[in-house]
Structures are given as structure tokens and as C-alpha cells.
Amino acid sequence: MNDGHHVPQELPVRERSFRTSSGRHRRPVPAHLPPDAPALVLAAPGAGGDVPAAVKTIVSVDHPQLDVRLIHLGDTKTSLAETLTECAAKRPAGSPAAIVVPLVTGPHQQVYRAIREAVAESDVMTTIADPLGPHPMLAEALHVKLAEGGLARADRMRLFNIAAPVDGIIVATVGGQEAVRAADATVVLLAARLTLPVVAASLDASPGVGDAAQRLRNIGASRLALAPFLIGPEIDPLKITKAAESVGAGCSEPIGAHSAVAQLVALSYGSSLTGVEPDQP
């Protein structure tokens, strides 16, 4: 169910406005790129972790024509500004050096602020892409994670709900109220897949998980599950677990290095490169 928020405003950090809202059936990245095509720089929150590296590996294997870099925004050893400078040094002067794709599912002010500052510091021609969500593939990934955790049942072919072991879902994100508003589209998509009430909540601001749980209980839902609408490095995993425990909810794993994430990274790069919005699925 939609929790009544307004449609989120566009983030002010993009140099160009591109949506990664589709593209299942079109090539996300041209098969042949010139040697001086912009690098794809994955910007991950935090200082490390296996998930961003796994996403990079998948994207690199699926698109060997791309120069794929990975930067952890919390890493003090290698900065995004240094990486952008390196990318520019290998490309003609005055040409786009990189497309930065943040590894976040929705608006995240801290991540985008860090990226903007790095771009300004490097003074390199760079495009900053939109968040990876909302997108139907991410709603599907959430469903898969819930099913893997025994919190949703799905048939083998189409992942449609058969008989839910829970009767209410909390889609939890980070990034404050803006991220909660942006998660509304995913809430609607997941609710349609599960035929269950679904409410968005924030793990780091208001409305919080407790607020969402109360709303669900007010409409009769008593068996709750928390679905982290996160790739993984955005927040300490213990905070996710504690949030679920605080409302007596089961908890699925974050989306992680799901194939949908790698596909959306490539779509984001491709649409930023061509300036053409992908078709709706």
C-alpha cells in the first residue's frame, strides 16, 4: 500500500536527468564503445565489503567493453576525486571522463554530497547518475529475498505469491524522508506482487520502522516482515536486525549483489551515455 507521500522531487546533483526505470528488453550498453568512452565508476557507501566488489565483477563480466572502476566513499586511502583524475588522464582533453553510478536504491544525501564534492575537487567532466530505484526488477529482488528468508512464498516460474507466512511488509530504506517517499513506487510494486499491505519506513529518520509497524497493525496485520530496500553497504547490518527485532518482525537480507543491481548499473551507464531514456517494460 502507498503510505500517502508525494512523488519525490528530482535530486539536484545530476548534471543530466536520466531515469533507470526500465530496459529489460533492450541492450543497456552499446556492444562496441570507443577506447575513450567514459569510465563507469561505481560509488559505494562505506569503506569496503564484498557486495560492491561482486557487483563490479558481474558488470565487468557482462560488459567487457566497459572500463569499470569501484570506489568506496568511506575509504580514506583511495578517493573518488583521484579516480576521476586518473580517468581523465586516459581520455582526450575536454571529453567526458566518467559516469558515476551510486550504489544506492534511492535518494541518499550523504552519498550524493560526497560525490558532488569529489567531482568539484577533481574538476573532471563527469556525469552523476540517478539512484538505481525505483524499478520493477528491484521489487522482484525484494520478493526473492523475502522468499529466501521464508517470509514469502513464490512459485518457481513467475515468483507470484501463493500463501504468505506474514500479513504485512515493511520496506526499510536509508536516506531520510526523501528516500521513504522515493520508495513508494517500490511499495506499490511489491504489494501488487505479494497481494499484501506494504509500508515504507526509514532506518535512519522518521517515519521509522516502529511507525510503519503500527500502521500495519492498525489495519489488522500482526505477522510482519522487514525487507531492507538496500544493496547492503549503506548501513550497519546490525541496525537492520535490531529494527526488525524492535517490532517483532522477521527480516530478509538486503538486495546485495543480485543480478538486478548489476543490470540497473549497466542501464544507468547506458542511458547516461546516450542521453536516451530506456523504454518502459
Protein backbone atom coordinates (compact mmCIF):
# COMPACT_ATOMS: atom_id res chain seq x y z
CA MET A 1 0.00 0.00 0.00
CA ASN A 2 1.14 3.50 -0.70
CA ASP A 3 1.72 5.46 2.51
CA GLY A 4 0.43 8.73 1.08
CA HIS A 5 3.66 10.57 0.44
CA HIS A 6 4.09 12.84 -2.55
CA VAL A 7 6.14 11.92 -5.59
CA PRO A 8 9.81 12.60 -4.75
CA GLN A 9 11.49 15.61 -6.29
CA GLU A 10 14.44 15.10 -8.59
CA LEU A 11 17.82 15.15 -6.90
CA PRO A 12 19.72 18.37 -7.56
CA VAL A 13 23.07 16.63 -8.06
CA ARG A 14 22.73 15.31 -11.58
CA GLU A 15 24.41 17.00 -14.47
CA ARG A 16 21.79 15.45 -16.75
CA SER A 17 18.44 13.90 -15.89
CA PHE A 18 18.20 10.22 -16.79
CA ARG A 19 15.92 7.53 -15.44
CA THR A 20 16.88 3.90 -14.97
CA SER A 21 13.26 2.85 -14.85
CA SER A 22 13.22 0.02 -17.33
CA GLY A 23 15.17 -1.71 -20.04
CA ARG A 24 14.65 -5.45 -19.60
CA HIS A 25 14.47 -5.99 -23.35
CA ARG A 26 17.00 -3.56 -24.75
CA ARG A 27 20.78 -3.55 -24.71
CA PRO A 28 21.79 -1.46 -21.70
CA VAL A 29 25.24 -0.59 -23.08
CA PRO A 30 26.35 -0.45 -26.75
CA ALA A 31 28.25 -3.60 -27.70
CA HIS A 32 31.09 -1.53 -29.13
CA LEU A 33 32.45 1.54 -27.43
CA PRO A 34 35.36 3.76 -28.44
CA PRO A 35 38.50 3.36 -26.31
CA ASP A 36 37.98 6.82 -24.86
CA ALA A 37 34.37 6.18 -23.73
CA PRO A 38 33.72 7.40 -20.18
CA ALA A 39 34.63 5.03 -17.39
CA LEU A 40 31.84 3.54 -15.31
CA VAL A 41 32.69 4.43 -11.72
CA LEU A 42 30.67 2.60 -9.07
CA ALA A 43 30.45 4.75 -5.95
CA ALA A 44 29.61 2.60 -2.92
CA PRO A 45 28.79 3.89 0.56
CA GLY A 46 31.06 2.78 3.36
CA ALA A 47 34.67 1.73 3.41
CA GLY A 48 34.57 -1.74 1.87
CA GLY A 49 32.66 -5.00 1.74
CA ASP A 50 32.11 -7.91 -0.60
CA VAL A 51 28.85 -6.77 -2.17
CA PRO A 52 30.16 -3.76 -4.17
CA ALA A 53 33.09 -5.85 -5.41
CA ALA A 54 30.70 -8.59 -6.51
CA VAL A 55 28.53 -6.06 -8.39
CA LYS A 56 31.63 -4.71 -10.14
CA THR A 57 32.66 -8.23 -11.14
CA ILE A 58 29.24 -9.01 -12.61
CA VAL A 59 29.13 -5.75 -14.58
CA SER A 60 32.70 -6.26 -15.85
CA VAL A 61 32.00 -9.82 -16.98
CA ASP A 62 28.69 -8.92 -18.63
CA HIS A 63 30.15 -5.82 -20.33
CA PRO A 64 33.85 -6.37 -21.03
CA GLN A 65 33.87 -3.30 -23.29
CA LEU A 66 33.49 -1.06 -20.22
CA ASP A 67 36.21 0.46 -18.09
CA VAL A 68 34.63 -0.30 -14.70
CA ARG A 69 36.05 1.21 -11.51
CA LEU A 70 34.89 0.79 -7.92
CA ILE A 71 35.27 3.40 -5.21
CA HIS A 72 34.22 3.12 -1.58
CA LEU A 73 33.26 6.61 -0.49
CA GLY A 74 34.35 5.92 3.08
CA ASP A 75 37.80 4.69 2.07
CA THR A 76 40.47 7.19 3.13
CA LYS A 77 43.18 5.56 1.00
CA THR A 78 41.74 5.96 -2.48
CA SER A 79 39.39 8.86 -3.15
CA LEU A 80 36.80 9.32 -5.85
CA ALA A 81 38.48 12.58 -6.89
CA GLU A 82 41.76 10.73 -7.52
CA THR A 83 39.99 8.07 -9.55
CA LEU A 84 38.22 10.69 -11.68
CA THR A 85 41.55 12.39 -12.32
CA GLU A 86 43.02 9.06 -13.43
CA CYS A 87 40.08 8.50 -15.77
CA ALA A 88 40.51 11.96 -17.31
CA ALA A 89 44.24 11.40 -17.88
CA LYS A 90 43.42 8.45 -20.18
CA ARG A 91 40.90 10.39 -22.28
CA PRO A 92 41.09 13.36 -24.65
CA ALA A 93 41.01 16.76 -23.01
CA GLY A 94 37.52 18.20 -22.82
CA SER A 95 35.75 14.86 -23.26
CA PRO A 96 33.59 13.14 -20.62
CA ALA A 97 35.87 11.12 -18.38
CA ALA A 98 33.44 9.16 -16.21
CA ILE A 99 29.87 8.32 -15.38
CA VAL A 100 29.49 7.85 -11.64
CA VAL A 101 26.76 5.37 -10.68
CA PRO A 102 25.99 5.47 -6.94
CA LEU A 103 25.26 2.02 -5.48
CA VAL A 104 22.08 3.14 -3.76
CA THR A 105 18.46 2.22 -4.42
CA GLY A 106 17.08 5.68 -3.69
CA PRO A 107 17.96 9.26 -2.73
CA HIS A 108 20.84 9.45 -0.28
CA GLN A 109 22.00 12.97 0.52
CA GLN A 110 25.25 11.94 2.17
CA VAL A 111 26.32 9.79 -0.78
CA TYR A 112 25.42 12.40 -3.38
CA ARG A 113 27.08 15.18 -1.39
CA ALA A 114 30.32 13.18 -1.25
CA ILE A 115 30.17 12.54 -4.99
CA ARG A 116 29.48 16.19 -5.84
CA GLU A 117 32.39 17.30 -3.68
CA ALA A 118 34.73 14.80 -5.35
CA VAL A 119 33.67 15.93 -8.82
CA ALA A 120 34.24 19.56 -7.86
CA GLU A 121 37.65 18.73 -6.37
CA SER A 122 38.79 16.83 -9.47
CA ASP A 123 37.36 19.37 -11.94
CA VAL A 124 36.77 16.46 -14.31
CA MET A 125 33.88 16.29 -16.79
CA THR A 126 31.64 13.76 -15.04
CA THR A 127 28.02 12.67 -15.14
CA ILE A 128 26.38 11.64 -11.88
CA ALA A 129 23.64 9.07 -12.42
CA ASP A 130 20.31 8.68 -10.65
CA PRO A 131 19.75 6.12 -7.88
CA LEU A 132 19.11 2.61 -9.18
CA GLY A 133 15.50 2.61 -7.98
CA PRO A 134 12.62 2.56 -8.12
CA HIS A 135 12.41 -0.23 -10.67
CA PRO A 136 10.30 -3.39 -11.10
CA MET A 137 13.43 -5.53 -11.02
CA LEU A 138 14.25 -4.26 -7.53
CA ALA A 139 10.72 -5.08 -6.35
CA GLU A 140 11.24 -8.57 -7.75
CA ALA A 141 14.59 -8.80 -5.95
CA LEU A 142 12.92 -7.85 -2.67
CA HIS A 143 10.36 -10.60 -3.24
CA VAL A 144 13.14 -13.11 -3.90
CA LYS A 145 14.94 -12.11 -0.70
CA LEU A 146 11.74 -12.42 1.32
CA ALA A 147 11.12 -15.87 -0.17
CA GLU A 148 14.70 -16.94 0.57
CA GLY A 149 14.16 -15.92 4.18
CA GLY A 150 10.95 -17.92 4.46
CA LEU A 151 8.90 -14.73 4.70
CA ALA A 152 7.09 -15.02 1.35
CA ARG A 153 6.16 -17.92 -0.86
CA ALA A 154 6.55 -17.88 -4.60
CA ASP A 155 6.07 -20.25 -7.47
CA ARG A 156 9.17 -21.28 -9.38
CA MET A 157 8.31 -19.63 -12.66
CA ARG A 158 6.86 -16.18 -12.02
CA LEU A 159 7.51 -15.50 -8.33
CA PHE A 160 3.85 -14.79 -7.63
CA ASN A 161 2.76 -15.11 -4.03
CA ILE A 162 0.93 -18.33 -3.15
CA ALA A 163 0.25 -18.15 0.61
CA ALA A 164 2.15 -15.60 2.63
CA PRO A 165 3.56 -16.61 6.02
CA VAL A 166 3.28 -12.92 7.00
CA ASP A 167 0.46 -10.44 6.53
CA GLY A 168 2.34 -7.14 6.36
CA ILE A 169 5.66 -5.95 4.92
CA ILE A 170 7.86 -3.02 5.93
CA VAL A 171 10.14 -1.82 3.13
CA ALA A 172 13.04 -0.22 5.01
CA THR A 173 15.44 2.22 3.45
CA VAL A 174 18.01 4.84 4.46
CA GLY A 175 18.36 8.43 3.37
CA GLY A 176 15.64 10.07 5.42
CA GLN A 177 12.18 11.18 4.40
CA GLU A 178 13.17 11.74 0.77
CA ALA A 179 14.23 8.10 0.47
CA VAL A 180 10.98 6.94 2.08
CA ARG A 181 8.96 8.97 -0.41
CA ALA A 182 11.01 7.60 -3.29
CA ALA A 183 10.37 4.04 -2.05
CA ASP A 184 6.63 4.50 -2.55
CA ALA A 185 6.81 3.19 -6.12
CA THR A 186 8.57 0.04 -4.92
CA VAL A 187 6.00 -0.33 -2.14
CA VAL A 188 3.21 -0.36 -4.73
CA LEU A 189 5.04 -2.86 -6.94
CA LEU A 190 5.83 -5.22 -4.07
CA ALA A 191 2.29 -5.00 -2.68
CA ALA A 192 0.96 -5.97 -6.10
CA ARG A 193 3.31 -8.96 -6.27
CA LEU A 194 2.53 -10.21 -2.76
CA THR A 195 -1.12 -9.09 -2.51
CA LEU A 196 -0.25 -7.86 0.97
CA PRO A 197 -0.16 -4.43 2.64
CA VAL A 198 3.30 -2.88 2.33
CA VAL A 199 4.56 0.30 4.01
CA ALA A 200 7.84 2.18 3.55
CA ALA A 201 9.95 3.24 6.53
CA SER A 202 13.34 4.76 7.28
CA LEU A 203 16.10 3.11 9.24
CA ASP A 204 17.78 6.46 9.96
CA ALA A 205 14.96 9.02 10.20
CA SER A 206 11.20 9.44 10.53
CA PRO A 207 8.84 7.78 9.65
CA GLY A 208 10.67 4.89 11.26
CA VAL A 209 10.11 1.16 11.37
CA GLY A 210 8.03 1.49 14.54
CA ASP A 211 5.69 3.94 12.79
CA ALA A 212 5.29 1.57 9.84
CA ALA A 213 4.63 -1.40 12.11
CA GLN A 214 1.90 0.50 13.95
CA ARG A 215 0.22 1.47 10.68
CA LEU A 216 0.17 -2.15 9.58
CA ARG A 217 -1.19 -3.34 12.92
CA ASN A 218 -3.89 -0.69 12.75
CA ILE A 219 -5.23 -2.39 9.63
CA GLY A 220 -5.07 -5.87 11.13
CA ALA A 221 -1.61 -7.09 10.13
CA SER A 222 0.05 -8.92 13.01
CA ARG A 223 2.72 -11.09 11.37
CA LEU A 224 5.25 -8.63 9.97
CA ALA A 225 8.40 -8.85 7.89
CA LEU A 226 11.04 -6.23 7.20
CA ALA A 227 12.51 -6.08 3.69
CA PRO A 228 15.66 -3.93 3.51
CA PHE A 229 15.43 -1.85 0.33
CA LEU A 230 19.20 -1.60 0.36
CA ILE A 231 22.11 -3.02 -1.57
CA GLY A 232 24.00 -3.56 1.67
CA PRO A 233 26.85 -1.17 2.47
CA GLU A 234 24.54 1.77 3.18
CA ILE A 235 24.11 0.86 6.85
CA ASP A 236 25.45 -1.41 9.57
CA PRO A 237 23.60 -4.75 9.22
CA LEU A 238 23.09 -4.88 12.98
CA LYS A 239 20.87 -1.81 12.76
CA ILE A 240 18.62 -3.63 10.31
CA THR A 241 18.37 -6.65 12.61
CA LYS A 242 17.67 -4.50 15.67
CA ALA A 243 14.98 -2.55 13.83
CA ALA A 244 13.21 -5.77 12.87
CA GLU A 245 13.50 -7.15 16.40
CA SER A 246 12.14 -3.93 17.89
CA VAL A 247 8.78 -4.52 16.18
CA GLY A 248 8.79 -8.32 16.34
CA ALA A 249 9.21 -8.70 12.59
CA GLY A 250 11.04 -11.27 10.53
CA CYS A 251 13.82 -9.85 8.39
CA SER A 252 15.12 -10.70 4.94
CA GLU A 253 18.60 -9.96 3.63
CA PRO A 254 19.41 -6.74 1.75
CA ILE A 255 19.29 -6.98 -2.04
CA GLY A 256 23.07 -7.42 -2.24
CA ALA A 257 24.78 -8.32 -5.50
CA HIS A 258 21.54 -9.50 -7.09
CA SER A 259 21.61 -9.65 -10.87
CA ALA A 260 19.05 -6.83 -10.96
CA VAL A 261 21.56 -4.46 -9.37
CA ALA A 262 24.20 -5.20 -12.00
CA GLN A 263 21.65 -4.82 -14.79
CA LEU A 264 20.47 -1.48 -13.43
CA VAL A 265 24.05 -0.25 -13.10
CA ALA A 266 24.59 -1.00 -16.78
CA LEU A 267 21.27 0.61 -17.71
CA SER A 268 22.18 3.70 -15.73
CA TYR A 269 25.52 3.97 -17.52
CA GLY A 270 23.96 3.35 -20.92
CA SER A 271 21.19 5.92 -20.54
CA SER A 272 23.64 8.49 -19.21
CA LEU A 273 25.96 7.79 -22.13
CA THR A 274 23.33 8.10 -24.84
CA GLY A 275 21.01 10.62 -23.22
CA VAL A 276 18.01 8.42 -24.12
CA GLU A 277 15.60 7.14 -21.53
CA PRO A 278 15.15 3.34 -21.65
CA ASP A 279 11.74 2.08 -22.75
CA GLN A 280 9.23 1.05 -20.11
CA PRO A 281 9.00 -2.72 -19.64
